[in-house]
Structure formats: C-alpha cells, structure tokens
Amino acid sequence: MIQPSLERGYLLLAALLRYPSGSLTREELEEHSRQLAERLTLLSGLNAPEFFDRRLFSGLLDTLEEEGWLWREGSHLCFDKALAAAQLRGRVLFDPGLRHRLRQIARQ
C-alpha cells in the first residue's frame, strides 16, 4: 500500500540528485518528477494517473524542506551529501528490477 509513495519519493530524489545543489527550482523539479513518473507508468503498463499527480510531489518536497533535507537559496533548491547518502540507504526498500527501471527513467 505504501509502495507507490516510496517510489514517488525515490523518483523525486533520483531526479533532484542528477543535478548539482542549487540547480533546480521547486517548480522545475516537480514538473521533471511528474514527467518521469508518467513515463514509468507508461513503461510499466500501469493505469495509475494518481502516481504522477504533481500535488503529491509538492507534498514530498514540503516534507523534505520541513525535515531539513532541502532548503532554498533564492528560488533554487539546495541540499548536501546527506541527502544522497539517505537515498542510497533507501534503495533496499525496492525490488532490484524496479530500482533499475527507476534509475533508467531518471537518467533520461
């Protein structure tokens, strides 16, 4: 039941961590993450439009900011190495095949 939320979070972090800290605005990251999630659902053959609802990515970003994982400098999102380390630790929550698909999609 919680797997879709975890997958969205992993996808959002994969999208964010492709770029240096301070490179993306919140809106750019939300849109980029939404597009990647849409691609994942198409490639997986899922009919789950709720998976790529932009509001869900916005909520994840709110939580990351509230918890201190992300902060803003001007209009850009910033993070440190702790976020990348947390993402690596979280990988074990996913089936290796799904992890591979998520990484492939995030690289595109």
PDB file of N, CA and C in Angstrom:
ATOM      1  N   MET A   1       0.816  -1.195   0.000  1.00  0.00           N
ATOM      2  CA  MET A   1       0.000   0.000   0.000  1.00  0.00           C
ATOM      3  C   MET A   1       0.867   1.269   0.000  1.00  0.00           C
ATOM      4  N   ILE A   2       1.982   1.216   0.682  1.00  0.00           N
ATOM      5  CA  ILE A   2       2.844   2.390   0.773  1.00  0.00           C
ATOM      6  C   ILE A   2       3.858   2.453  -0.371  1.00  0.00           C
ATOM      7  N   GLN A   3       3.990   1.365  -1.129  1.00  0.00           N
ATOM      8  CA  GLN A   3       4.977   1.282  -2.194  1.00  0.00           C
ATOM      9  C   GLN A   3       4.899   2.448  -3.187  1.00  0.00           C
ATOM     10  N   PRO A   4       3.704   2.845  -3.678  1.00  0.00           N
ATOM     11  CA  PRO A   4       3.664   3.978  -4.620  1.00  0.00           C
ATOM     12  C   PRO A   4       4.253   5.268  -4.046  1.00  0.00           C
ATOM     13  N   SER A   5       4.019   5.529  -2.768  1.00  0.00           N
ATOM     14  CA  SER A   5       4.592   6.733  -2.147  1.00  0.00           C
ATOM     15  C   SER A   5       6.106   6.635  -2.071  1.00  0.00           C
ATOM     16  N   LEU A   6       6.602   5.459  -1.712  1.00  0.00           N
ATOM     17  CA  LEU A   6       8.050   5.268  -1.665  1.00  0.00           C
ATOM     18  C   LEU A   6       8.663   5.439  -3.049  1.00  0.00           C
ATOM     19  N   GLU A   7       7.997   4.899  -4.060  1.00  0.00           N
ATOM     20  CA  GLU A   7       8.504   5.015  -5.423  1.00  0.00           C
ATOM     21  C   GLU A   7       8.533   6.466  -5.881  1.00  0.00           C
ATOM     22  N   ARG A   8       7.494   7.226  -5.562  1.00  0.00           N
ATOM     23  CA  ARG A   8       7.485   8.651  -5.919  1.00  0.00           C
ATOM     24  C   ARG A   8       8.637   9.375  -5.241  1.00  0.00           C
ATOM     25  N   GLY A   9       8.845   9.077  -3.968  1.00  0.00           N
ATOM     26  CA  GLY A   9       9.944   9.714  -3.243  1.00  0.00           C
ATOM     27  C   GLY A   9      11.294   9.359  -3.834  1.00  0.00           C
ATOM     28  N   TYR A  10      11.478   8.097  -4.171  1.00  0.00           N
ATOM     29  CA  TYR A  10      12.738   7.664  -4.767  1.00  0.00           C
ATOM     30  C   TYR A  10      12.947   8.341  -6.117  1.00  0.00           C
ATOM     31  N   LEU A  11      11.886   8.415  -6.902  1.00  0.00           N
ATOM     32  CA  LEU A  11      11.966   9.052  -8.218  1.00  0.00           C
ATOM     33  C   LEU A  11      12.289  10.540  -8.081  1.00  0.00           C
ATOM     34  N   LEU A  12      11.649  11.207  -7.129  1.00  0.00           N
ATOM     35  CA  LEU A  12      11.902  12.627  -6.902  1.00  0.00           C
ATOM     36  C   LEU A  12      13.362  12.852  -6.518  1.00  0.00           C
ATOM     37  N   LEU A  13      13.882  12.028  -5.614  1.00  0.00           N
ATOM     38  CA  LEU A  13      15.276  12.178  -5.206  1.00  0.00           C
ATOM     39  C   LEU A  13      16.230  11.854  -6.349  1.00  0.00           C
ATOM     40  N   ALA A  14      15.909  10.832  -7.125  1.00  0.00           N
ATOM     41  CA  ALA A  14      16.757  10.498  -8.271  1.00  0.00           C
ATOM     42  C   ALA A  14      16.796  11.661  -9.257  1.00  0.00           C
ATOM     43  N   ALA A  15      15.646  12.290  -9.481  1.00  0.00           N
ATOM     44  CA  ALA A  15      15.593  13.437 -10.394  1.00  0.00           C
ATOM     45  C   ALA A  15      16.400  14.609  -9.830  1.00  0.00           C
ATOM     46  N   LEU A  16      16.238  14.889  -8.554  1.00  0.00           N
ATOM     47  CA  LEU A  16      16.943  16.003  -7.919  1.00  0.00           C
ATOM     48  C   LEU A  16      18.455  15.792  -7.910  1.00  0.00           C
ATOM     49  N   LEU A  17      18.871  14.592  -7.553  1.00  0.00           N
ATOM     50  CA  LEU A  17      20.295  14.328  -7.373  1.00  0.00           C
ATOM     51  C   LEU A  17      21.058  14.186  -8.681  1.00  0.00           C
ATOM     52  N   ARG A  18      20.360  14.240  -9.793  1.00  0.00           N
ATOM     53  CA  ARG A  18      21.035  14.264 -11.099  1.00  0.00           C
ATOM     54  C   ARG A  18      21.720  15.609 -11.330  1.00  0.00           C
ATOM     55  N   TYR A  19      21.321  16.601 -10.585  1.00  0.00           N
ATOM     56  CA  TYR A  19      21.805  17.968 -10.778  1.00  0.00           C
ATOM     57  C   TYR A  19      22.555  18.427  -9.534  1.00  0.00           C
ATOM     58  N   PRO A  20      23.470  19.348  -9.696  1.00  0.00           N
ATOM     59  CA  PRO A  20      24.150  19.908  -8.515  1.00  0.00           C
ATOM     60  C   PRO A  20      23.171  20.684  -7.635  1.00  0.00           C
ATOM     61  N   SER A  21      23.482  20.765  -6.376  1.00  0.00           N
ATOM     62  CA  SER A  21      22.683  21.538  -5.435  1.00  0.00           C
ATOM     63  C   SER A  21      22.523  22.970  -5.951  1.00  0.00           C
ATOM     64  N   GLY A  22      21.322  23.503  -5.861  1.00  0.00           N
ATOM     65  CA  GLY A  22      21.063  24.872  -6.278  1.00  0.00           C
ATOM     66  C   GLY A  22      20.762  25.027  -7.755  1.00  0.00           C
ATOM     67  N   SER A  23      20.632  23.918  -8.488  1.00  0.00           N
ATOM     68  CA  SER A  23      20.404  23.991  -9.934  1.00  0.00           C
ATOM     69  C   SER A  23      18.933  24.108 -10.327  1.00  0.00           C
ATOM     70  N   LEU A  24      18.056  23.539  -9.525  1.00  0.00           N
ATOM     71  CA  LEU A  24      16.642  23.469  -9.898  1.00  0.00           C
ATOM     72  C   LEU A  24      15.768  24.299  -8.973  1.00  0.00           C
ATOM     73  N   THR A  25      14.719  24.862  -9.549  1.00  0.00           N
ATOM     74  CA  THR A  25      13.684  25.468  -8.722  1.00  0.00           C
ATOM     75  C   THR A  25      12.728  24.355  -8.311  1.00  0.00           C
ATOM     76  N   ARG A  26      11.933  24.632  -7.342  1.00  0.00           N
ATOM     77  CA  ARG A  26      10.939  23.662  -6.894  1.00  0.00           C
ATOM     78  C   ARG A  26       9.997  23.281  -8.036  1.00  0.00           C
ATOM     79  N   GLU A  27       9.556  24.272  -8.787  1.00  0.00           N
ATOM     80  CA  GLU A  27       8.621  24.023  -9.888  1.00  0.00           C
ATOM     81  C   GLU A  27       9.253  23.145 -10.966  1.00  0.00           C
ATOM     82  N   GLU A  28      10.521  23.399 -11.275  1.00  0.00           N
ATOM     83  CA  GLU A  28      11.220  22.575 -12.266  1.00  0.00           C
ATOM     84  C   GLU A  28      11.322  21.129 -11.802  1.00  0.00           C
ATOM     85  N   LEU A  29      11.658  20.936 -10.529  1.00  0.00           N
ATOM     86  CA  LEU A  29      11.784  19.585 -10.002  1.00  0.00           C
ATOM     87  C   LEU A  29      10.435  18.879  -9.971  1.00  0.00           C
ATOM     88  N   GLU A  30       9.391  19.571  -9.544  1.00  0.00           N
ATOM     89  CA  GLU A  30       8.057  18.966  -9.529  1.00  0.00           C
ATOM     90  C   GLU A  30       7.658  18.505 -10.928  1.00  0.00           C
ATOM     91  N   GLU A  31       7.866  19.353 -11.909  1.00  0.00           N
ATOM     92  CA  GLU A  31       7.486  19.013 -13.272  1.00  0.00           C
ATOM     93  C   GLU A  31       8.346  17.883 -13.820  1.00  0.00           C
ATOM     94  N   HIS A  32       9.628  17.938 -13.572  1.00  0.00           N
ATOM     95  CA  HIS A  32      10.530  16.888 -14.040  1.00  0.00           C
ATOM     96  C   HIS A  32      10.142  15.545 -13.409  1.00  0.00           C
ATOM     97  N   SER A  33       9.861  15.541 -12.123  1.00  0.00           N
ATOM     98  CA  SER A  33       9.471  14.317 -11.415  1.00  0.00           C
ATOM     99  C   SER A  33       8.153  13.783 -11.943  1.00  0.00           C
ATOM    100  N   ARG A  34       7.211  14.670 -12.195  1.00  0.00           N
ATOM    101  CA  ARG A  34       5.916  14.252 -12.722  1.00  0.00           C
ATOM    102  C   ARG A  34       6.076  13.588 -14.078  1.00  0.00           C
ATOM    103  N   GLN A  35       6.907  14.166 -14.927  1.00  0.00           N
ATOM    104  CA  GLN A  35       7.138  13.591 -16.254  1.00  0.00           C
ATOM    105  C   GLN A  35       7.797  12.218 -16.155  1.00  0.00           C
ATOM    106  N   LEU A  36       8.762  12.076 -15.250  1.00  0.00           N
ATOM    107  CA  LEU A  36       9.409  10.783 -15.069  1.00  0.00           C
ATOM    108  C   LEU A  36       8.426   9.740 -14.551  1.00  0.00           C
ATOM    109  N   ALA A  37       7.574  10.128 -13.620  1.00  0.00           N
ATOM    110  CA  ALA A  37       6.573   9.202 -13.085  1.00  0.00           C
ATOM    111  C   ALA A  37       5.586   8.783 -14.171  1.00  0.00           C
ATOM    112  N   GLU A  38       5.210   9.725 -15.010  1.00  0.00           N
ATOM    113  CA  GLU A  38       4.308   9.401 -16.116  1.00  0.00           C
ATOM    114  C   GLU A  38       4.971   8.395 -17.056  1.00  0.00           C
ATOM    115  N   ARG A  39       6.237   8.594 -17.347  1.00  0.00           N
ATOM    116  CA  ARG A  39       6.990   7.662 -18.188  1.00  0.00           C
ATOM    117  C   ARG A  39       7.048   6.273 -17.561  1.00  0.00           C
ATOM    118  N   LEU A  40       7.277   6.232 -16.245  1.00  0.00           N
ATOM    119  CA  LEU A  40       7.351   4.951 -15.546  1.00  0.00           C
ATOM    120  C   LEU A  40       6.025   4.200 -15.644  1.00  0.00           C
ATOM    121  N   THR A  41       4.920   4.894 -15.436  1.00  0.00           N
ATOM    122  CA  THR A  41       3.631   4.216 -15.505  1.00  0.00           C
ATOM    123  C   THR A  41       3.351   3.709 -16.914  1.00  0.00           C
ATOM    124  N   LEU A  42       3.743   4.464 -17.929  1.00  0.00           N
ATOM    125  CA  LEU A  42       3.553   4.007 -19.309  1.00  0.00           C
ATOM    126  C   LEU A  42       4.414   2.789 -19.605  1.00  0.00           C
ATOM    127  N   LEU A  43       5.674   2.835 -19.211  1.00  0.00           N
ATOM    128  CA  LEU A  43       6.582   1.712 -19.468  1.00  0.00           C
ATOM    129  C   LEU A  43       6.186   0.466 -18.684  1.00  0.00           C
ATOM    130  N   SER A  44       5.605   0.664 -17.512  1.00  0.00           N
ATOM    131  CA  SER A  44       5.198  -0.465 -16.673  1.00  0.00           C
ATOM    132  C   SER A  44       3.824  -0.997 -17.038  1.00  0.00           C
ATOM    133  N   GLY A  45       3.134  -0.275 -17.919  1.00  0.00           N
ATOM    134  CA  GLY A  45       1.789  -0.696 -18.299  1.00  0.00           C
ATOM    135  C   GLY A  45       0.757  -0.445 -17.217  1.00  0.00           C
ATOM    136  N   LEU A  46       1.037   0.453 -16.320  1.00  0.00           N
ATOM    137  CA  LEU A  46       0.095   0.771 -15.240  1.00  0.00           C
ATOM    138  C   LEU A  46      -0.878   1.847 -15.680  1.00  0.00           C
ATOM    139  N   ASN A  47      -2.083   1.751 -15.198  1.00  0.00           N
ATOM    140  CA  ASN A  47      -3.055   2.813 -15.410  1.00  0.00           C
ATOM    141  C   ASN A  47      -3.250   3.490 -14.056  1.00  0.00           C
ATOM    142  N   ALA A  48      -2.332   4.369 -13.719  1.00  0.00           N
ATOM    143  CA  ALA A  48      -2.331   4.986 -12.384  1.00  0.00           C
ATOM    144  C   ALA A  48      -2.027   6.471 -12.493  1.00  0.00           C
ATOM    145  N   PRO A  49      -2.981   7.267 -13.007  1.00  0.00           N
ATOM    146  CA  PRO A  49      -2.703   8.702 -13.144  1.00  0.00           C
ATOM    147  C   PRO A  49      -2.412   9.386 -11.814  1.00  0.00           C
ATOM    148  N   GLU A  50      -2.887   8.833 -10.707  1.00  0.00           N
ATOM    149  CA  GLU A  50      -2.612   9.432  -9.402  1.00  0.00           C
ATOM    150  C   GLU A  50      -1.128   9.346  -9.053  1.00  0.00           C
ATOM    151  N   PHE A  51      -0.412   8.399  -9.672  1.00  0.00           N
ATOM    152  CA  PHE A  51       1.019   8.227  -9.381  1.00  0.00           C
ATOM    153  C   PHE A  51       1.806   9.464  -9.774  1.00  0.00           C
ATOM    154  N   PHE A  52       1.376  10.147 -10.826  1.00  0.00           N
ATOM    155  CA  PHE A  52       2.151  11.314 -11.273  1.00  0.00           C
ATOM    156  C   PHE A  52       1.422  12.631 -11.033  1.00  0.00           C
ATOM    157  N   ASP A  53       0.594  12.659 -10.007  1.00  0.00           N
ATOM    158  CA  ASP A  53      -0.079  13.886  -9.595  1.00  0.00           C
ATOM    159  C   ASP A  53       0.958  14.847  -8.996  1.00  0.00           C
ATOM    160  N   ARG A  54       1.062  16.008  -9.588  1.00  0.00           N
ATOM    161  CA  ARG A  54       2.072  16.994  -9.173  1.00  0.00           C
ATOM    162  C   ARG A  54       1.932  17.388  -7.699  1.00  0.00           C
ATOM    163  N   ARG A  55       0.703  17.377  -7.184  1.00  0.00           N
ATOM    164  CA  ARG A  55       0.491  17.748  -5.773  1.00  0.00           C
ATOM    165  C   ARG A  55       1.187  16.781  -4.829  1.00  0.00           C
ATOM    166  N   LEU A  56       1.280  15.512  -5.235  1.00  0.00           N
ATOM    167  CA  LEU A  56       1.953  14.538  -4.383  1.00  0.00           C
ATOM    168  C   LEU A  56       3.446  14.830  -4.301  1.00  0.00           C
ATOM    169  N   PHE A  57       4.044  15.222  -5.429  1.00  0.00           N
ATOM    170  CA  PHE A  57       5.458  15.604  -5.411  1.00  0.00           C
ATOM    171  C   PHE A  57       5.659  16.874  -4.585  1.00  0.00           C
ATOM    172  N   SER A  58       4.721  17.779  -4.675  1.00  0.00           N
ATOM    173  CA  SER A  58       4.798  19.011  -3.891  1.00  0.00           C
ATOM    174  C   SER A  58       4.775  18.688  -2.398  1.00  0.00           C
ATOM    175  N   GLY A  59       3.929  17.760  -2.001  1.00  0.00           N
ATOM    176  CA  GLY A  59       3.866  17.350  -0.597  1.00  0.00           C
ATOM    177  C   GLY A  59       5.160  16.714  -0.131  1.00  0.00           C
ATOM    178  N   LEU A  60       5.765  15.898  -0.982  1.00  0.00           N
ATOM    179  CA  LEU A  60       7.057  15.297  -0.637  1.00  0.00           C
ATOM    180  C   LEU A  60       8.126  16.373  -0.443  1.00  0.00           C
ATOM    181  N   LEU A  61       8.127  17.362  -1.319  1.00  0.00           N
ATOM    182  CA  LEU A  61       9.097  18.454  -1.192  1.00  0.00           C
ATOM    183  C   LEU A  61       8.863  19.255   0.082  1.00  0.00           C
ATOM    184  N   ASP A  62       7.594  19.486   0.412  1.00  0.00           N
ATOM    185  CA  ASP A  62       7.279  20.180   1.673  1.00  0.00           C
ATOM    186  C   ASP A  62       7.908  19.434   2.852  1.00  0.00           C
ATOM    187  N   THR A  63       7.721  18.123   2.868  1.00  0.00           N
ATOM    188  CA  THR A  63       8.254  17.307   3.967  1.00  0.00           C
ATOM    189  C   THR A  63       9.770  17.349   4.004  1.00  0.00           C
ATOM    190  N   LEU A  64      10.413  17.229   2.845  1.00  0.00           N
ATOM    191  CA  LEU A  64      11.880  17.287   2.806  1.00  0.00           C
ATOM    192  C   LEU A  64      12.404  18.628   3.310  1.00  0.00           C
ATOM    193  N   GLU A  65      11.694  19.705   2.981  1.00  0.00           N
ATOM    194  CA  GLU A  65      12.105  21.028   3.476  1.00  0.00           C
ATOM    195  C   GLU A  65      11.865  21.143   4.983  1.00  0.00           C
ATOM    196  N   GLU A  66      10.706  20.678   5.441  1.00  0.00           N
ATOM    197  CA  GLU A  66      10.388  20.760   6.873  1.00  0.00           C
ATOM    198  C   GLU A  66      11.379  19.970   7.714  1.00  0.00           C
ATOM    199  N   GLU A  67      11.853  18.848   7.176  1.00  0.00           N
ATOM    200  CA  GLU A  67      12.784  17.997   7.908  1.00  0.00           C
ATOM    201  C   GLU A  67      14.247  18.429   7.748  1.00  0.00           C
ATOM    202  N   GLY A  68      14.483  19.453   6.929  1.00  0.00           N
ATOM    203  CA  GLY A  68      15.831  19.990   6.782  1.00  0.00           C
ATOM    204  C   GLY A  68      16.703  19.301   5.733  1.00  0.00           C
ATOM    205  N   TRP A  69      16.135  18.405   4.944  1.00  0.00           N
ATOM    206  CA  TRP A  69      16.897  17.738   3.890  1.00  0.00           C
ATOM    207  C   TRP A  69      17.134  18.665   2.696  1.00  0.00           C
ATOM    208  N   LEU A  70      16.202  19.588   2.484  1.00  0.00           N
ATOM    209  CA  LEU A  70      16.286  20.575   1.405  1.00  0.00           C
ATOM    210  C   LEU A  70      16.081  21.949   1.988  1.00  0.00           C
ATOM    211  N   TRP A  71      16.660  22.934   1.352  1.00  0.00           N
ATOM    212  CA  TRP A  71      16.404  24.325   1.713  1.00  0.00           C
ATOM    213  C   TRP A  71      16.505  25.145   0.442  1.00  0.00           C
ATOM    214  N   ARG A  72      16.039  26.349   0.517  1.00  0.00           N
ATOM    215  CA  ARG A  72      16.053  27.225  -0.656  1.00  0.00           C
ATOM    216  C   ARG A  72      17.077  28.333  -0.487  1.00  0.00           C
ATOM    217  N   GLU A  73      17.738  28.591  -1.567  1.00  0.00           N
ATOM    218  CA  GLU A  73      18.591  29.772  -1.671  1.00  0.00           C
ATOM    219  C   GLU A  73      18.042  30.529  -2.858  1.00  0.00           C
ATOM    220  N   GLY A  74      17.367  31.633  -2.561  1.00  0.00           N
ATOM    221  CA  GLY A  74      16.604  32.310  -3.603  1.00  0.00           C
ATOM    222  C   GLY A  74      15.454  31.405  -3.989  1.00  0.00           C
ATOM    223  N   SER A  75      15.329  31.124  -5.262  1.00  0.00           N
ATOM    224  CA  SER A  75      14.249  30.254  -5.713  1.00  0.00           C
ATOM    225  C   SER A  75      14.727  28.826  -6.005  1.00  0.00           C
ATOM    226  N   HIS A  76      15.999  28.534  -5.712  1.00  0.00           N
ATOM    227  CA  HIS A  76      16.562  27.230  -6.045  1.00  0.00           C
ATOM    228  C   HIS A  76      16.669  26.318  -4.822  1.00  0.00           C
ATOM    229  N   LEU A  77      16.471  25.022  -5.077  1.00  0.00           N
ATOM    230  CA  LEU A  77      16.555  24.019  -4.022  1.00  0.00           C
ATOM    231  C   LEU A  77      18.005  23.615  -3.800  1.00  0.00           C
ATOM    232  N   CYS A  78      18.386  23.537  -2.541  1.00  0.00           N
ATOM    233  CA  CYS A  78      19.751  23.157  -2.191  1.00  0.00           C
ATOM    234  C   CYS A  78      19.710  21.954  -1.256  1.00  0.00           C
ATOM    235  N   PHE A  79      20.785  21.194  -1.285  1.00  0.00           N
ATOM    236  CA  PHE A  79      20.907  20.001  -0.457  1.00  0.00           C
ATOM    237  C   PHE A  79      22.386  19.714  -0.257  1.00  0.00           C
ATOM    238  N   ASP A  80      22.684  18.802   0.678  1.00  0.00           N
ATOM    239  CA  ASP A  80      24.075  18.413   0.879  1.00  0.00           C
ATOM    240  C   ASP A  80      24.223  16.909   0.658  1.00  0.00           C
ATOM    241  N   LYS A  81      25.396  16.381   0.943  1.00  0.00           N
ATOM    242  CA  LYS A  81      25.693  14.976   0.681  1.00  0.00           C
ATOM    243  C   LYS A  81      24.828  14.023   1.497  1.00  0.00           C
ATOM    244  N   ALA A  82      24.276  14.489   2.595  1.00  0.00           N
ATOM    245  CA  ALA A  82      23.442  13.627   3.440  1.00  0.00           C
ATOM    246  C   ALA A  82      22.220  13.127   2.680  1.00  0.00           C
ATOM    247  N   LEU A  83      21.696  13.932   1.770  1.00  0.00           N
ATOM    248  CA  LEU A  83      20.518  13.523   1.002  1.00  0.00           C
ATOM    249  C   LEU A  83      20.859  12.367   0.064  1.00  0.00           C
ATOM    250  N   ALA A  84      21.995  12.445  -0.602  1.00  0.00           N
ATOM    251  CA  ALA A  84      22.426  11.353  -1.491  1.00  0.00           C
ATOM    252  C   ALA A  84      22.673  10.079  -0.685  1.00  0.00           C
ATOM    253  N   ALA A  85      23.257  10.218   0.487  1.00  0.00           N
ATOM    254  CA  ALA A  85      23.506   9.053   1.336  1.00  0.00           C
ATOM    255  C   ALA A  85      22.187   8.424   1.788  1.00  0.00           C
ATOM    256  N   ALA A  86      21.201   9.241   2.117  1.00  0.00           N
ATOM    257  CA  ALA A  86      19.895   8.729   2.528  1.00  0.00           C
ATOM    258  C   ALA A  86      19.221   7.988   1.378  1.00  0.00           C
ATOM    259  N   GLN A  87      19.349   8.529   0.176  1.00  0.00           N
ATOM    260  CA  GLN A  87      18.756   7.848  -0.976  1.00  0.00           C
ATOM    261  C   GLN A  87      19.397   6.470  -1.176  1.00  0.00           C
ATOM    262  N   LEU A  88      20.700   6.394  -1.038  1.00  0.00           N
ATOM    263  CA  LEU A  88      21.386   5.110  -1.185  1.00  0.00           C
ATOM    264  C   LEU A  88      20.922   4.104  -0.134  1.00  0.00           C
ATOM    265  N   ARG A  89      20.759   4.563   1.093  1.00  0.00           N
ATOM    266  CA  ARG A  89      20.279   3.671   2.154  1.00  0.00           C
ATOM    267  C   ARG A  89      18.859   3.196   1.870  1.00  0.00           C
ATOM    268  N   GLY A  90      18.045   4.045   1.260  1.00  0.00           N
ATOM    269  CA  GLY A  90      16.652   3.707   0.983  1.00  0.00           C
ATOM    270  C   GLY A  90      16.459   2.742  -0.169  1.00  0.00           C
ATOM    271  N   ARG A  91      17.490   2.521  -0.943  1.00  0.00           N
ATOM    272  CA  ARG A  91      17.382   1.633  -2.107  1.00  0.00           C
ATOM    273  C   ARG A  91      16.934   0.231  -1.738  1.00  0.00           C
ATOM    274  N   VAL A  92      17.279  -0.228  -0.546  1.00  0.00           N
ATOM    275  CA  VAL A  92      16.937  -1.599  -0.155  1.00  0.00           C
ATOM    276  C   VAL A  92      15.430  -1.818  -0.032  1.00  0.00           C
ATOM    277  N   LEU A  93      14.662  -0.751  -0.012  1.00  0.00           N
ATOM    278  CA  LEU A  93      13.208  -0.865   0.098  1.00  0.00           C
ATOM    279  C   LEU A  93      12.550  -1.285  -1.214  1.00  0.00           C
ATOM    280  N   PHE A  94      13.327  -1.334  -2.289  1.00  0.00           N
ATOM    281  CA  PHE A  94      12.757  -1.574  -3.607  1.00  0.00           C
ATOM    282  C   PHE A  94      13.277  -2.864  -4.219  1.00  0.00           C
ATOM    283  N   ASP A  95      12.410  -3.503  -4.963  1.00  0.00           N
ATOM    284  CA  ASP A  95      12.779  -4.646  -5.767  1.00  0.00           C
ATOM    285  C   ASP A  95      13.895  -4.209  -6.720  1.00  0.00           C
ATOM    286  N   PRO A  96      14.945  -5.012  -6.898  1.00  0.00           N
ATOM    287  CA  PRO A  96      16.041  -4.608  -7.782  1.00  0.00           C
ATOM    288  C   PRO A  96      15.589  -4.252  -9.202  1.00  0.00           C
ATOM    289  N   GLY A  97      14.602  -4.962  -9.733  1.00  0.00           N
ATOM    290  CA  GLY A  97      14.099  -4.650 -11.072  1.00  0.00           C
ATOM    291  C   GLY A  97      13.457  -3.278 -11.128  1.00  0.00           C
ATOM    292  N   LEU A  98      12.678  -2.947 -10.113  1.00  0.00           N
ATOM    293  CA  LEU A  98      12.039  -1.638 -10.053  1.00  0.00           C
ATOM    294  C   LEU A  98      13.085  -0.552  -9.877  1.00  0.00           C
ATOM    295  N   ARG A  99      14.067  -0.796  -9.021  1.00  0.00           N
ATOM    296  CA  ARG A  99      15.154   0.165  -8.817  1.00  0.00           C
ATOM    297  C   ARG A  99      15.864   0.460 -10.128  1.00  0.00           C
ATOM    298  N   HIS A 100      16.105  -0.597 -10.888  1.00  0.00           N
ATOM    299  CA  HIS A 100      16.765  -0.439 -12.183  1.00  0.00           C
ATOM    300  C   HIS A 100      15.917   0.421 -13.120  1.00  0.00           C
ATOM    301  N   ARG A 101      14.605   0.152 -13.194  1.00  0.00           N
ATOM    302  CA  ARG A 101      13.713   0.951 -14.054  1.00  0.00           C
ATOM    303  C   ARG A 101      13.664   2.402 -13.597  1.00  0.00           C
ATOM    304  N   LEU A 102      13.585   2.619 -12.293  1.00  0.00           N
ATOM    305  CA  LEU A 102      13.546   3.989 -11.771  1.00  0.00           C
ATOM    306  C   LEU A 102      14.820   4.746 -12.130  1.00  0.00           C
ATOM    307  N   ARG A 103      15.973   4.085 -11.990  1.00  0.00           N
ATOM    308  CA  ARG A 103      17.236   4.743 -12.344  1.00  0.00           C
ATOM    309  C   ARG A 103      17.316   5.031 -13.831  1.00  0.00           C
ATOM    310  N   GLN A 104      16.880   4.089 -14.659  1.00  0.00           N
ATOM    311  CA  GLN A 104      16.905   4.296 -16.097  1.00  0.00           C
ATOM    312  C   GLN A 104      16.035   5.491 -16.501  1.00  0.00           C
ATOM    313  N   ILE A 105      14.848   5.550 -15.951  1.00  0.00           N
ATOM    314  CA  ILE A 105      13.930   6.627 -16.273  1.00  0.00           C
ATOM    315  C   ILE A 105      14.474   7.958 -15.782  1.00  0.00           C
ATOM    316  N   ALA A 106      15.064   7.981 -14.597  1.00  0.00           N
ATOM    317  CA  ALA A 106      15.604   9.228 -14.037  1.00  0.00           C
ATOM    318  C   ALA A 106      16.779   9.747 -14.854  1.00  0.00           C
ATOM    319  N   ARG A 107      17.500   8.870 -15.521  1.00  0.00           N
ATOM    320  CA  ARG A 107      18.645   9.310 -16.342  1.00  0.00           C
ATOM    321  C   ARG A 107      18.202   9.964 -17.642  1.00  0.00           C
ATOM    322  N   GLN A 108      16.994   9.691 -18.088  1.00  0.00           N
ATOM    323  CA  GLN A 108      16.521  10.201 -19.389  1.00  0.00           C
ATOM    324  C   GLN A 108      16.244  11.675 -19.340  1.00  0.00           C
TER     325      GLN A 108
END
